């Protein structure tokens, strides 16, 4: 095994294990949650697979890993309860890094042999899947900033499911086993989170109805 294969394998292990971590805590809490370890393992995984993508000449997937790096870093900052001023500076810095990285990758797009040899239809599928896949983190980022805490909204999992399925199809076309493996487990985890979110929201509505009914049935005491 070459060191490049080792790098790809390490990235896949991180991407698999992070969802197993998230799944464990989600099953325990009966709702979608992400502990700090999830974000650290995600950051390590996206760094290793991003490096693997760059060295293997796969710019479409590399773009996603770069964007994810900024998202993971920001969520770690929110989990560590950074004050608003430092948090805003960190957010600005992350956005600047993303813009610079995207510009560099755009240059790599024009010189990538794999990108130029692939058919427009497959390139379009990969780019569209990447856009949807990364938009979920934009949603998660926006909701997290709004709540000033790391938070997974229900729509995050629906968008993840669509984007993951498209990218899994694209990676199967690319034929790289490390890329395929990194997206293989996603649909199972995402579907499970959708189910748990629906159950949790249903339980919350039922609890609210019960509390409302109990309040209405309690006789008011006269003030004397």
N, C-alpha and C. Protein backbone atom coordinates (compact mmCIF):
# COMPACT_ATOMS: atom_id res chain seq x y z
N UNK A 1 0.85 -1.20 0.00
CA UNK A 1 0.00 0.00 0.00
C UNK A 1 0.89 1.25 0.00
N UNK A 2 0.60 2.17 -0.91
CA UNK A 2 1.36 3.42 -0.98
C UNK A 2 0.88 4.38 0.10
N UNK A 3 1.67 5.43 0.33
CA UNK A 3 1.29 6.41 1.35
C UNK A 3 0.04 7.16 0.93
N UNK A 4 -0.19 7.29 -0.40
CA UNK A 4 -1.40 7.95 -0.88
C UNK A 4 -2.63 7.11 -0.56
N UNK A 5 -2.52 5.80 -0.74
CA UNK A 5 -3.61 4.90 -0.37
C UNK A 5 -3.87 4.95 1.13
N UNK A 6 -2.80 5.01 1.90
CA UNK A 6 -2.94 5.11 3.36
C UNK A 6 -3.68 6.39 3.74
N UNK A 7 -3.38 7.49 3.03
CA UNK A 7 -4.04 8.76 3.30
C UNK A 7 -5.53 8.67 2.99
N UNK A 8 -5.85 8.08 1.84
CA UNK A 8 -7.27 7.91 1.49
C UNK A 8 -7.99 7.01 2.46
N UNK A 9 -7.32 5.91 2.87
CA UNK A 9 -7.95 5.01 3.83
C UNK A 9 -8.18 5.65 5.18
N UNK A 10 -7.22 6.46 5.63
CA UNK A 10 -7.37 7.16 6.91
C UNK A 10 -8.55 8.13 6.85
N UNK A 11 -8.71 8.82 5.72
CA UNK A 11 -9.84 9.74 5.57
C UNK A 11 -11.17 9.01 5.61
N UNK A 12 -11.24 7.85 4.97
CA UNK A 12 -12.47 7.06 4.96
C UNK A 12 -12.81 6.59 6.37
N UNK A 13 -11.80 6.13 7.11
CA UNK A 13 -12.02 5.69 8.50
C UNK A 13 -12.60 6.83 9.33
N UNK A 14 -12.06 8.03 9.16
CA UNK A 14 -12.56 9.20 9.90
C UNK A 14 -14.01 9.50 9.51
N UNK A 15 -14.32 9.47 8.23
CA UNK A 15 -15.67 9.79 7.78
C UNK A 15 -16.67 8.74 8.24
N UNK A 16 -16.25 7.48 8.26
CA UNK A 16 -17.13 6.44 8.76
C UNK A 16 -17.35 6.58 10.26
N UNK A 17 -16.25 6.74 11.00
CA UNK A 17 -16.33 6.76 12.46
C UNK A 17 -17.09 7.97 12.98
N UNK A 18 -17.00 9.11 12.27
CA UNK A 18 -17.69 10.31 12.76
C UNK A 18 -19.20 10.08 12.77
N UNK A 19 -19.72 9.39 11.73
CA UNK A 19 -21.16 9.14 11.69
C UNK A 19 -21.57 8.09 12.70
N UNK A 20 -20.68 7.15 12.98
CA UNK A 20 -20.98 6.18 14.04
C UNK A 20 -21.04 6.88 15.40
N UNK A 21 -20.15 7.85 15.60
CA UNK A 21 -20.18 8.65 16.84
C UNK A 21 -21.50 9.42 16.93
N UNK A 22 -21.87 10.08 15.83
CA UNK A 22 -23.10 10.86 15.81
C UNK A 22 -24.31 9.96 16.02
N UNK A 23 -24.28 8.79 15.39
CA UNK A 23 -25.38 7.83 15.50
C UNK A 23 -25.53 7.37 16.95
N UNK A 24 -24.43 7.06 17.62
CA UNK A 24 -24.45 6.60 19.00
C UNK A 24 -25.11 7.64 19.91
N UNK A 25 -24.65 8.90 19.79
CA UNK A 25 -25.20 9.95 20.65
C UNK A 25 -26.65 10.27 20.29
N UNK A 26 -26.98 10.17 19.00
CA UNK A 26 -28.36 10.43 18.57
C UNK A 26 -29.31 9.37 19.11
N UNK A 27 -28.90 8.11 19.05
CA UNK A 27 -29.75 7.04 19.59
C UNK A 27 -29.91 7.19 21.10
N UNK A 28 -28.86 7.64 21.76
CA UNK A 28 -28.92 7.80 23.22
C UNK A 28 -29.85 8.93 23.61
N UNK A 29 -29.80 10.04 22.85
CA UNK A 29 -30.62 11.21 23.17
C UNK A 29 -31.99 11.18 22.49
N UNK A 30 -32.18 10.26 21.53
CA UNK A 30 -33.43 10.13 20.79
C UNK A 30 -33.75 11.37 19.96
N UNK A 31 -32.73 12.09 19.55
CA UNK A 31 -32.86 13.23 18.65
C UNK A 31 -31.48 13.50 18.04
N UNK A 32 -31.46 14.26 16.93
CA UNK A 32 -30.20 14.51 16.23
C UNK A 32 -29.29 15.42 17.05
N UNK A 33 -28.15 14.90 17.44
CA UNK A 33 -27.15 15.68 18.18
C UNK A 33 -25.77 15.37 17.59
N UNK A 34 -24.83 16.26 17.82
CA UNK A 34 -23.46 16.05 17.37
C UNK A 34 -22.51 16.49 18.47
N UNK A 35 -21.81 15.56 19.12
CA UNK A 35 -20.87 15.93 20.17
C UNK A 35 -19.62 16.57 19.58
N UNK A 36 -18.78 17.13 20.43
CA UNK A 36 -17.57 17.79 19.96
C UNK A 36 -16.66 16.83 19.21
N UNK A 37 -16.62 15.57 19.65
CA UNK A 37 -15.77 14.58 18.98
C UNK A 37 -16.18 14.39 17.52
N UNK A 38 -17.47 14.54 17.21
CA UNK A 38 -17.95 14.43 15.82
C UNK A 38 -17.26 15.46 14.94
N UNK A 39 -17.17 16.70 15.43
CA UNK A 39 -16.59 17.77 14.62
C UNK A 39 -15.08 17.62 14.49
N UNK A 40 -14.41 17.16 15.54
CA UNK A 40 -12.97 16.95 15.45
C UNK A 40 -12.63 15.85 14.46
N UNK A 41 -13.35 14.74 14.52
CA UNK A 41 -13.10 13.64 13.58
C UNK A 41 -13.46 14.07 12.16
N UNK A 42 -14.53 14.86 12.01
CA UNK A 42 -14.91 15.38 10.70
C UNK A 42 -13.81 16.26 10.12
N UNK A 43 -13.24 17.11 10.98
CA UNK A 43 -12.17 18.00 10.53
C UNK A 43 -10.95 17.20 10.09
N UNK A 44 -10.61 16.17 10.84
CA UNK A 44 -9.47 15.33 10.46
C UNK A 44 -9.76 14.58 9.16
N UNK A 45 -10.98 14.08 9.03
CA UNK A 45 -11.34 13.34 7.82
C UNK A 45 -11.35 14.20 6.58
N UNK A 46 -11.89 15.41 6.69
CA UNK A 46 -11.94 16.28 5.52
C UNK A 46 -10.55 16.78 5.13
N UNK A 47 -9.65 16.90 6.12
CA UNK A 47 -8.27 17.31 5.82
C UNK A 47 -7.53 16.21 5.06
N UNK A 48 -7.69 14.97 5.52
CA UNK A 48 -6.99 13.85 4.88
C UNK A 48 -7.57 13.54 3.50
N UNK A 49 -8.90 13.49 3.38
CA UNK A 49 -9.50 13.22 2.08
C UNK A 49 -9.35 14.40 1.13
N UNK A 50 -9.30 15.62 1.68
CA UNK A 50 -9.04 16.79 0.84
C UNK A 50 -7.65 16.74 0.24
N UNK A 51 -6.67 16.34 1.06
CA UNK A 51 -5.30 16.18 0.55
C UNK A 51 -5.23 15.06 -0.47
N UNK A 52 -5.95 13.97 -0.20
CA UNK A 52 -5.99 12.85 -1.14
C UNK A 52 -6.62 13.29 -2.47
N UNK A 53 -7.71 14.08 -2.39
CA UNK A 53 -8.37 14.56 -3.60
C UNK A 53 -7.43 15.44 -4.43
N UNK A 54 -6.70 16.30 -3.74
CA UNK A 54 -5.78 17.20 -4.43
C UNK A 54 -4.67 16.42 -5.14
N UNK A 55 -4.08 15.45 -4.44
CA UNK A 55 -2.97 14.69 -5.00
C UNK A 55 -3.41 13.72 -6.10
N UNK A 56 -4.68 13.28 -6.03
CA UNK A 56 -5.18 12.35 -7.05
C UNK A 56 -5.87 13.08 -8.20
N UNK A 57 -5.91 14.41 -8.14
CA UNK A 57 -6.45 15.19 -9.24
C UNK A 57 -7.96 15.14 -9.37
N UNK A 58 -8.69 15.18 -8.24
CA UNK A 58 -10.16 15.15 -8.26
C UNK A 58 -10.68 16.47 -7.70
N UNK A 59 -10.79 17.51 -8.53
CA UNK A 59 -11.11 18.85 -8.04
C UNK A 59 -12.54 19.03 -7.55
N UNK A 60 -13.51 18.29 -8.11
CA UNK A 60 -14.90 18.47 -7.70
C UNK A 60 -15.08 18.12 -6.23
N UNK A 61 -14.60 16.96 -5.83
CA UNK A 61 -14.71 16.55 -4.43
C UNK A 61 -13.83 17.38 -3.52
N UNK A 62 -12.67 17.81 -4.04
CA UNK A 62 -11.77 18.66 -3.26
C UNK A 62 -12.46 19.94 -2.84
N UNK A 63 -13.25 20.51 -3.72
CA UNK A 63 -13.98 21.74 -3.41
C UNK A 63 -14.88 21.56 -2.20
N UNK A 64 -15.56 20.42 -2.14
CA UNK A 64 -16.43 20.15 -1.00
C UNK A 64 -15.67 20.02 0.30
N UNK A 65 -14.51 19.37 0.28
CA UNK A 65 -13.73 19.20 1.49
C UNK A 65 -13.21 20.54 2.01
N UNK A 66 -12.87 21.44 1.10
CA UNK A 66 -12.39 22.76 1.52
C UNK A 66 -13.50 23.54 2.23
N UNK A 67 -14.69 23.55 1.64
CA UNK A 67 -15.81 24.26 2.25
C UNK A 67 -16.14 23.66 3.61
N UNK A 68 -16.12 22.33 3.68
CA UNK A 68 -16.45 21.66 4.94
C UNK A 68 -15.48 22.02 6.06
N UNK A 69 -14.23 22.26 5.71
CA UNK A 69 -13.23 22.62 6.72
C UNK A 69 -13.65 23.87 7.49
N UNK A 70 -14.15 24.87 6.76
CA UNK A 70 -14.60 26.10 7.41
C UNK A 70 -15.81 25.84 8.31
N UNK A 71 -16.74 25.01 7.83
CA UNK A 71 -17.95 24.72 8.61
C UNK A 71 -17.60 23.98 9.90
N UNK A 72 -16.76 22.97 9.81
CA UNK A 72 -16.40 22.19 10.98
C UNK A 72 -15.68 23.06 12.02
N UNK A 73 -14.80 23.91 11.53
CA UNK A 73 -14.05 24.79 12.43
C UNK A 73 -14.99 25.73 13.16
N UNK A 74 -15.97 26.27 12.45
CA UNK A 74 -16.92 27.20 13.07
C UNK A 74 -17.79 26.50 14.12
N UNK A 75 -18.21 25.28 13.84
CA UNK A 75 -19.01 24.54 14.81
C UNK A 75 -18.22 24.23 16.07
N UNK A 76 -16.95 23.93 15.92
CA UNK A 76 -16.10 23.71 17.10
C UNK A 76 -16.01 24.98 17.94
N UNK A 77 -15.92 26.14 17.24
CA UNK A 77 -15.87 27.42 17.96
C UNK A 77 -17.16 27.66 18.73
N UNK A 78 -18.30 27.34 18.11
CA UNK A 78 -19.60 27.52 18.77
C UNK A 78 -19.73 26.58 19.97
N UNK A 79 -19.26 25.36 19.82
CA UNK A 79 -19.34 24.40 20.92
C UNK A 79 -18.47 24.81 22.11
N UNK A 80 -17.41 25.54 21.82
CA UNK A 80 -16.52 25.99 22.90
C UNK A 80 -16.98 27.31 23.49
N UNK A 81 -18.19 27.75 23.09
CA UNK A 81 -18.81 28.94 23.66
C UNK A 81 -17.96 30.19 23.50
N UNK A 82 -17.43 30.37 22.31
CA UNK A 82 -16.67 31.60 22.05
C UNK A 82 -17.60 32.79 22.15
N UNK A 83 -17.10 33.92 22.68
CA UNK A 83 -17.95 35.09 22.80
C UNK A 83 -18.28 35.62 21.41
N UNK A 84 -19.31 36.45 21.32
CA UNK A 84 -19.83 36.87 20.03
C UNK A 84 -18.81 37.63 19.20
N UNK A 85 -18.01 38.46 19.83
CA UNK A 85 -17.03 39.23 19.06
C UNK A 85 -16.00 38.31 18.43
N UNK A 86 -15.42 37.41 19.24
CA UNK A 86 -14.43 36.48 18.70
C UNK A 86 -15.06 35.53 17.70
N UNK A 87 -16.32 35.14 17.98
CA UNK A 87 -17.00 34.24 17.06
C UNK A 87 -17.20 34.89 15.70
N UNK A 88 -17.57 36.20 15.70
CA UNK A 88 -17.78 36.88 14.42
C UNK A 88 -16.48 37.03 13.67
N UNK A 89 -15.38 37.31 14.37
CA UNK A 89 -14.08 37.41 13.70
C UNK A 89 -13.68 36.06 13.12
N UNK A 90 -13.93 35.01 13.90
CA UNK A 90 -13.62 33.67 13.41
C UNK A 90 -14.43 33.31 12.18
N UNK A 91 -15.70 33.72 12.17
CA UNK A 91 -16.58 33.46 11.03
C UNK A 91 -16.05 34.19 9.79
N UNK A 92 -15.67 35.44 9.95
CA UNK A 92 -15.14 36.20 8.83
C UNK A 92 -13.87 35.57 8.29
N UNK A 93 -12.99 35.14 9.20
CA UNK A 93 -11.73 34.52 8.78
C UNK A 93 -12.00 33.23 8.02
N UNK A 94 -12.96 32.44 8.51
CA UNK A 94 -13.30 31.19 7.83
C UNK A 94 -13.83 31.46 6.42
N UNK A 95 -14.67 32.48 6.27
CA UNK A 95 -15.21 32.81 4.96
C UNK A 95 -14.11 33.26 4.00
N UNK A 96 -13.17 34.05 4.49
CA UNK A 96 -12.05 34.50 3.65
C UNK A 96 -11.23 33.30 3.18
N UNK A 97 -10.96 32.36 4.09
CA UNK A 97 -10.20 31.17 3.74
C UNK A 97 -10.93 30.34 2.69
N UNK A 98 -12.25 30.23 2.83
CA UNK A 98 -13.04 29.48 1.86
C UNK A 98 -12.97 30.14 0.49
N UNK A 99 -13.14 31.46 0.43
CA UNK A 99 -13.10 32.17 -0.85
C UNK A 99 -11.76 31.97 -1.54
N UNK A 100 -10.67 32.10 -0.79
CA UNK A 100 -9.33 31.92 -1.37
C UNK A 100 -9.15 30.50 -1.87
N UNK A 101 -9.58 29.53 -1.06
CA UNK A 101 -9.42 28.13 -1.45
C UNK A 101 -10.26 27.80 -2.68
N UNK A 102 -11.49 28.31 -2.72
CA UNK A 102 -12.36 28.06 -3.88
C UNK A 102 -11.75 28.64 -5.15
N UNK A 103 -11.14 29.82 -5.05
CA UNK A 103 -10.49 30.44 -6.20
C UNK A 103 -9.33 29.58 -6.70
N UNK A 104 -8.54 29.04 -5.78
CA UNK A 104 -7.42 28.18 -6.16
C UNK A 104 -7.91 26.89 -6.82
N UNK A 105 -9.00 26.34 -6.27
CA UNK A 105 -9.54 25.10 -6.84
C UNK A 105 -10.15 25.36 -8.21
N UNK A 106 -10.75 26.54 -8.40
CA UNK A 106 -11.31 26.88 -9.71
C UNK A 106 -10.23 26.88 -10.78
N UNK A 107 -9.03 27.33 -10.40
CA UNK A 107 -7.90 27.29 -11.33
C UNK A 107 -7.53 25.84 -11.63
N UNK A 108 -7.57 25.00 -10.60
CA UNK A 108 -7.23 23.59 -10.78
C UNK A 108 -8.26 22.89 -11.67
N UNK A 109 -9.52 23.34 -11.63
CA UNK A 109 -10.56 22.79 -12.49
C UNK A 109 -10.14 22.85 -13.96
N UNK A 110 -9.63 23.99 -14.36
CA UNK A 110 -9.32 24.22 -15.77
C UNK A 110 -8.13 23.38 -16.25
N UNK A 111 -7.30 22.90 -15.33
CA UNK A 111 -6.12 22.12 -15.71
C UNK A 111 -6.24 20.65 -15.32
N UNK A 112 -7.37 20.26 -14.72
CA UNK A 112 -7.52 18.88 -14.28
C UNK A 112 -7.79 17.96 -15.46
N UNK A 113 -6.97 16.93 -15.59
CA UNK A 113 -7.14 15.96 -16.69
C UNK A 113 -8.42 15.17 -16.52
N UNK A 114 -8.73 14.77 -15.29
CA UNK A 114 -9.94 13.99 -15.05
C UNK A 114 -11.19 14.80 -15.38
N UNK A 115 -11.19 16.08 -15.01
CA UNK A 115 -12.35 16.92 -15.25
C UNK A 115 -12.56 17.12 -16.74
N UNK A 116 -11.50 17.37 -17.48
CA UNK A 116 -11.60 17.63 -18.91
C UNK A 116 -11.92 16.38 -19.72
N UNK A 117 -11.55 15.20 -19.21
CA UNK A 117 -11.81 13.97 -19.92
C UNK A 117 -13.21 13.42 -19.64
N UNK A 118 -13.79 13.79 -18.52
CA UNK A 118 -15.12 13.30 -18.17
C UNK A 118 -16.18 13.99 -19.02
N UNK A 119 -17.34 13.32 -19.19
CA UNK A 119 -18.41 13.90 -20.00
C UNK A 119 -19.08 15.04 -19.24
N UNK A 120 -19.66 16.02 -19.96
CA UNK A 120 -20.34 17.15 -19.29
C UNK A 120 -21.45 16.70 -18.35
N UNK A 121 -22.14 15.61 -18.71
CA UNK A 121 -23.25 15.14 -17.88
C UNK A 121 -22.75 14.67 -16.51
N UNK A 122 -21.65 13.93 -16.48
CA UNK A 122 -21.12 13.44 -15.21
C UNK A 122 -20.53 14.59 -14.40
N UNK A 123 -19.87 15.52 -15.07
CA UNK A 123 -19.35 16.69 -14.37
C UNK A 123 -20.49 17.51 -13.76
N UNK A 124 -21.58 17.64 -14.52
CA UNK A 124 -22.75 18.39 -14.03
C UNK A 124 -23.36 17.70 -12.82
N UNK A 125 -23.43 16.35 -12.85
CA UNK A 125 -23.97 15.60 -11.72
C UNK A 125 -23.10 15.80 -10.48
N UNK A 126 -21.78 15.73 -10.68
CA UNK A 126 -20.87 15.91 -9.55
C UNK A 126 -20.97 17.31 -8.95
N UNK A 127 -21.02 18.32 -9.81
CA UNK A 127 -21.09 19.70 -9.32
C UNK A 127 -22.43 19.97 -8.65
N UNK A 128 -23.53 19.46 -9.26
CA UNK A 128 -24.86 19.66 -8.65
C UNK A 128 -24.95 18.94 -7.30
N UNK A 129 -24.44 17.71 -7.25
CA UNK A 129 -24.43 16.97 -5.99
C UNK A 129 -23.61 17.68 -4.93
N UNK A 130 -22.47 18.23 -5.35
CA UNK A 130 -21.62 18.97 -4.43
C UNK A 130 -22.31 20.23 -3.92
N UNK A 131 -23.01 20.92 -4.82
CA UNK A 131 -23.72 22.15 -4.42
C UNK A 131 -24.80 21.84 -3.38
N UNK A 132 -25.55 20.77 -3.62
CA UNK A 132 -26.60 20.38 -2.67
C UNK A 132 -25.98 19.89 -1.36
N UNK A 133 -24.93 19.08 -1.49
CA UNK A 133 -24.24 18.52 -0.31
C UNK A 133 -23.69 19.62 0.59
N UNK A 134 -23.10 20.64 -0.02
CA UNK A 134 -22.52 21.72 0.77
C UNK A 134 -23.56 22.74 1.24
N UNK A 135 -24.69 22.82 0.54
CA UNK A 135 -25.73 23.74 0.98
C UNK A 135 -26.30 23.32 2.33
N UNK A 136 -26.23 22.02 2.64
CA UNK A 136 -26.72 21.55 3.95
C UNK A 136 -25.90 22.18 5.06
N UNK A 137 -24.58 22.33 4.83
CA UNK A 137 -23.75 22.94 5.85
C UNK A 137 -24.00 24.44 5.94
N UNK A 138 -24.37 25.05 4.81
CA UNK A 138 -24.77 26.45 4.87
C UNK A 138 -26.00 26.63 5.74
N UNK A 139 -26.97 25.71 5.58
CA UNK A 139 -28.17 25.74 6.41
C UNK A 139 -27.82 25.50 7.88
N UNK A 140 -26.99 24.49 8.10
CA UNK A 140 -26.59 24.18 9.48
C UNK A 140 -25.84 25.34 10.12
N UNK A 141 -24.99 25.98 9.33
CA UNK A 141 -24.22 27.12 9.81
C UNK A 141 -25.15 28.27 10.18
N UNK A 142 -26.11 28.54 9.31
CA UNK A 142 -27.04 29.65 9.54
C UNK A 142 -27.87 29.41 10.79
N UNK A 143 -28.41 28.20 10.93
CA UNK A 143 -29.20 27.87 12.12
C UNK A 143 -28.34 27.91 13.39
N UNK A 144 -27.10 27.46 13.28
CA UNK A 144 -26.21 27.47 14.44
C UNK A 144 -25.86 28.89 14.87
N UNK A 145 -25.60 29.77 13.89
CA UNK A 145 -25.31 31.17 14.21
C UNK A 145 -26.54 31.83 14.84
N UNK A 146 -27.71 31.48 14.33
CA UNK A 146 -28.96 32.05 14.84
C UNK A 146 -29.19 31.67 16.30
N UNK A 147 -28.86 30.42 16.63
CA UNK A 147 -29.06 29.93 18.00
C UNK A 147 -27.81 30.10 18.87
N UNK A 148 -26.70 30.54 18.26
CA UNK A 148 -25.42 30.68 18.96
C UNK A 148 -24.97 29.36 19.59
N UNK A 149 -25.26 28.27 18.90
CA UNK A 149 -24.86 26.95 19.34
C UNK A 149 -24.86 26.01 18.14
N UNK A 150 -24.06 24.95 18.21
CA UNK A 150 -24.03 23.97 17.13
C UNK A 150 -25.36 23.22 17.11
N UNK A 151 -26.03 23.25 15.95
CA UNK A 151 -27.39 22.74 15.89
C UNK A 151 -27.65 22.11 14.52
N UNK A 152 -28.34 20.96 14.50
CA UNK A 152 -28.74 20.30 13.26
C UNK A 152 -30.25 20.50 13.05
N UNK A 153 -30.67 21.35 12.12
CA UNK A 153 -32.10 21.48 11.83
C UNK A 153 -32.58 20.26 11.04
N UNK A 154 -33.88 19.93 11.09
CA UNK A 154 -34.38 18.75 10.37
C UNK A 154 -34.08 18.78 8.87
N UNK A 155 -34.15 19.97 8.26
CA UNK A 155 -33.91 20.05 6.81
C UNK A 155 -32.49 19.64 6.45
N UNK A 156 -31.56 19.76 7.40
CA UNK A 156 -30.17 19.37 7.16
C UNK A 156 -30.09 17.93 6.67
N UNK A 157 -30.87 17.03 7.29
CA UNK A 157 -30.78 15.61 6.96
C UNK A 157 -31.44 15.30 5.62
N UNK A 158 -32.51 16.02 5.26
CA UNK A 158 -33.13 15.81 3.96
C UNK A 158 -32.19 16.24 2.83
N UNK A 159 -31.59 17.41 2.99
CA UNK A 159 -30.65 17.90 1.98
C UNK A 159 -29.42 17.00 1.90
N UNK A 160 -28.97 16.51 3.06
CA UNK A 160 -27.83 15.59 3.10
C UNK A 160 -28.13 14.32 2.32
N UNK A 161 -29.34 13.80 2.48
CA UNK A 161 -29.71 12.56 1.81
C UNK A 161 -29.69 12.71 0.30
N UNK A 162 -30.22 13.82 -0.20
CA UNK A 162 -30.23 14.06 -1.65
C UNK A 162 -28.81 14.25 -2.19
N UNK A 163 -28.04 15.14 -1.53
CA UNK A 163 -26.68 15.41 -1.98
C UNK A 163 -25.78 14.19 -1.89
N UNK A 164 -25.91 13.43 -0.80
CA UNK A 164 -25.08 12.23 -0.61
C UNK A 164 -25.36 11.20 -1.70
N UNK A 165 -26.63 11.01 -2.03
CA UNK A 165 -26.99 10.04 -3.06
C UNK A 165 -26.40 10.43 -4.42
N UNK A 166 -26.46 11.72 -4.74
CA UNK A 166 -25.90 12.19 -6.01
C UNK A 166 -24.38 12.03 -6.04
N UNK A 167 -23.71 12.36 -4.94
CA UNK A 167 -22.25 12.23 -4.90
C UNK A 167 -21.81 10.78 -4.86
N UNK A 168 -22.60 9.92 -4.24
CA UNK A 168 -22.28 8.49 -4.24
C UNK A 168 -22.34 7.95 -5.67
N UNK A 169 -23.35 8.39 -6.42
CA UNK A 169 -23.46 7.99 -7.83
C UNK A 169 -22.25 8.49 -8.62
N UNK A 170 -21.85 9.74 -8.35
CA UNK A 170 -20.70 10.31 -9.05
C UNK A 170 -19.41 9.58 -8.70
N UNK A 171 -19.22 9.26 -7.43
CA UNK A 171 -17.98 8.57 -7.03
C UNK A 171 -17.92 7.16 -7.60
N UNK A 172 -19.07 6.51 -7.74
CA UNK A 172 -19.10 5.19 -8.38
C UNK A 172 -18.64 5.32 -9.83
N UNK A 173 -19.06 6.40 -10.48
CA UNK A 173 -18.60 6.67 -11.85
C UNK A 173 -17.09 6.92 -11.87
N UNK A 174 -16.58 7.69 -10.91
CA UNK A 174 -15.14 7.96 -10.84
C UNK A 174 -14.36 6.66 -10.61
N UNK A 175 -14.93 5.77 -9.79
CA UNK A 175 -14.34 4.45 -9.60
C UNK A 175 -13.27 4.38 -8.53
N UNK A 176 -13.11 5.44 -7.74
CA UNK A 176 -12.11 5.43 -6.67
C UNK A 176 -12.75 4.81 -5.42
N UNK A 177 -12.21 3.70 -4.92
CA UNK A 177 -12.84 3.02 -3.76
C UNK A 177 -12.87 3.87 -2.49
N UNK A 178 -11.89 4.75 -2.32
CA UNK A 178 -11.87 5.58 -1.12
C UNK A 178 -12.99 6.62 -1.15
N UNK A 179 -13.22 7.23 -2.30
CA UNK A 179 -14.30 8.19 -2.43
C UNK A 179 -15.65 7.51 -2.28
N UNK A 180 -15.79 6.33 -2.89
CA UNK A 180 -17.06 5.58 -2.78
C UNK A 180 -17.35 5.25 -1.32
N UNK A 181 -16.34 4.73 -0.63
CA UNK A 181 -16.52 4.34 0.78
C UNK A 181 -16.88 5.52 1.66
N UNK A 182 -16.35 6.71 1.35
CA UNK A 182 -16.61 7.88 2.19
C UNK A 182 -18.06 8.33 2.12
N UNK A 183 -18.77 8.00 1.02
CA UNK A 183 -20.17 8.39 0.89
C UNK A 183 -21.14 7.22 1.05
N UNK A 184 -20.62 6.03 1.27
CA UNK A 184 -21.45 4.83 1.27
C UNK A 184 -22.38 4.73 2.48
N UNK A 185 -21.90 5.09 3.65
CA UNK A 185 -22.68 4.95 4.88
C UNK A 185 -23.67 6.09 5.08
N UNK A 186 -23.43 7.22 4.42
CA UNK A 186 -24.23 8.43 4.66
C UNK A 186 -25.74 8.25 4.59
N UNK A 187 -26.29 7.65 3.49
CA UNK A 187 -27.75 7.54 3.39
C UNK A 187 -28.41 6.80 4.55
N UNK A 188 -27.70 5.80 5.10
CA UNK A 188 -28.26 5.05 6.24
C UNK A 188 -28.37 5.97 7.46
N UNK A 189 -27.31 6.70 7.76
CA UNK A 189 -27.29 7.61 8.90
C UNK A 189 -28.31 8.73 8.72
N UNK A 190 -28.37 9.28 7.53
CA UNK A 190 -29.28 10.40 7.27
C UNK A 190 -30.74 9.98 7.38
N UNK A 191 -31.06 8.80 6.85
CA UNK A 191 -32.44 8.30 6.96
C UNK A 191 -32.81 8.07 8.41
N UNK A 192 -31.89 7.53 9.19
CA UNK A 192 -32.15 7.29 10.61
C UNK A 192 -32.38 8.60 11.36
N UNK A 193 -31.61 9.62 11.04
CA UNK A 193 -31.78 10.92 11.69
C UNK A 193 -33.12 11.56 11.31
N UNK A 194 -33.53 11.39 10.07
CA UNK A 194 -34.84 11.90 9.64
C UNK A 194 -35.94 11.24 10.48
N UNK A 195 -35.86 9.92 10.65
CA UNK A 195 -36.87 9.19 11.42
C UNK A 195 -36.87 9.65 12.87
N UNK A 196 -35.70 9.77 13.48
CA UNK A 196 -35.62 10.19 14.88
C UNK A 196 -36.11 11.62 15.07
N UNK A 197 -35.81 12.49 14.11
CA UNK A 197 -36.29 13.87 14.20
C UNK A 197 -37.80 13.93 14.16
N UNK A 198 -38.40 13.15 13.28
CA UNK A 198 -39.87 13.13 13.18
C UNK A 198 -40.50 12.60 14.47
N UNK A 199 -39.89 11.56 15.04
CA UNK A 199 -40.41 11.01 16.30
C UNK A 199 -40.28 12.03 17.43
N UNK A 200 -39.13 12.71 17.47
CA UNK A 200 -38.89 13.69 18.53
C UNK A 200 -39.87 14.86 18.42
N UNK A 201 -40.09 15.36 17.21
CA UNK A 201 -41.01 16.48 17.01
C UNK A 201 -42.45 16.06 17.33
N UNK A 202 -42.80 14.82 16.99
CA UNK A 202 -44.14 14.32 17.31
C UNK A 202 -44.32 14.23 18.81
N UNK A 203 -43.30 13.72 19.51
CA UNK A 203 -43.37 13.61 20.97
C UNK A 203 -43.47 14.98 21.62
N UNK A 204 -42.74 15.97 21.07
CA UNK A 204 -42.80 17.33 21.61
C UNK A 204 -44.19 17.93 21.43
N UNK A 205 -44.81 17.70 20.27
CA UNK A 205 -46.18 18.22 20.03
C UNK A 205 -47.17 17.57 20.98
N UNK A 206 -47.05 16.26 21.17
CA UNK A 206 -47.97 15.55 22.08
C UNK A 206 -47.79 16.03 23.51
N UNK A 207 -46.54 16.28 23.91
CA UNK A 207 -46.27 16.78 25.26
C UNK A 207 -46.86 18.17 25.45
N UNK A 208 -46.73 19.00 24.41
CA UNK A 208 -47.28 20.35 24.49
C UNK A 208 -48.80 20.32 24.59
N UNK A 209 -49.44 19.41 23.85
CA UNK A 209 -50.90 19.27 23.92
C UNK A 209 -51.34 18.79 25.29
N UNK A 210 -50.60 17.84 25.85
CA UNK A 210 -50.93 17.33 27.19
C UNK A 210 -50.77 18.42 28.24
N UNK A 211 -49.70 19.22 28.14
CA UNK A 211 -49.49 20.31 29.09
C UNK A 211 -50.59 21.36 28.97
N UNK A 212 -51.02 21.62 27.74
CA UNK A 212 -52.09 22.60 27.53
C UNK A 212 -53.41 22.11 28.09
N UNK A 213 -53.69 20.82 27.87
CA UNK A 213 -54.93 20.24 28.40
C UNK A 213 -54.92 20.22 29.92
N UNK A 214 -53.76 19.92 30.51
CA UNK A 214 -53.64 19.90 31.97
C UNK A 214 -53.83 21.29 32.55
N UNK A 215 -53.31 22.29 31.87
CA UNK A 215 -53.46 23.66 32.35
C UNK A 215 -54.90 24.12 32.31
N UNK A 216 -55.62 23.72 31.27
CA UNK A 216 -57.03 24.11 31.12
C UNK A 216 -57.93 23.41 32.14
N UNK A 217 -57.53 22.18 32.52
CA UNK A 217 -58.37 21.41 33.46
C UNK A 217 -58.11 21.78 34.91
N UNK A 218 -57.02 22.52 35.19
CA UNK A 218 -56.71 22.92 36.56
C UNK A 218 -57.57 24.11 36.96
N UNK A 219 -58.36 23.97 38.01
CA UNK A 219 -59.22 25.10 38.42
C UNK A 219 -58.40 26.27 38.95
N UNK A 220 -58.82 27.44 38.60
CA UNK A 220 -58.12 28.63 39.06
C UNK A 220 -58.48 28.91 40.51
N UNK A 221 -57.54 29.36 41.29
CA UNK A 221 -57.78 29.70 42.71
C UNK A 221 -58.15 31.18 42.81
N UNK A 222 -59.13 31.45 43.61
CA UNK A 222 -59.58 32.84 43.81
C UNK A 222 -58.56 33.61 44.62
N UNK A 223 -58.27 34.79 44.18
CA UNK A 223 -57.39 35.68 44.94
C UNK A 223 -58.18 36.33 46.04
N UNK A 224 -57.74 36.27 47.28
CA UNK A 224 -58.46 36.86 48.41
C UNK A 224 -57.55 37.87 49.10
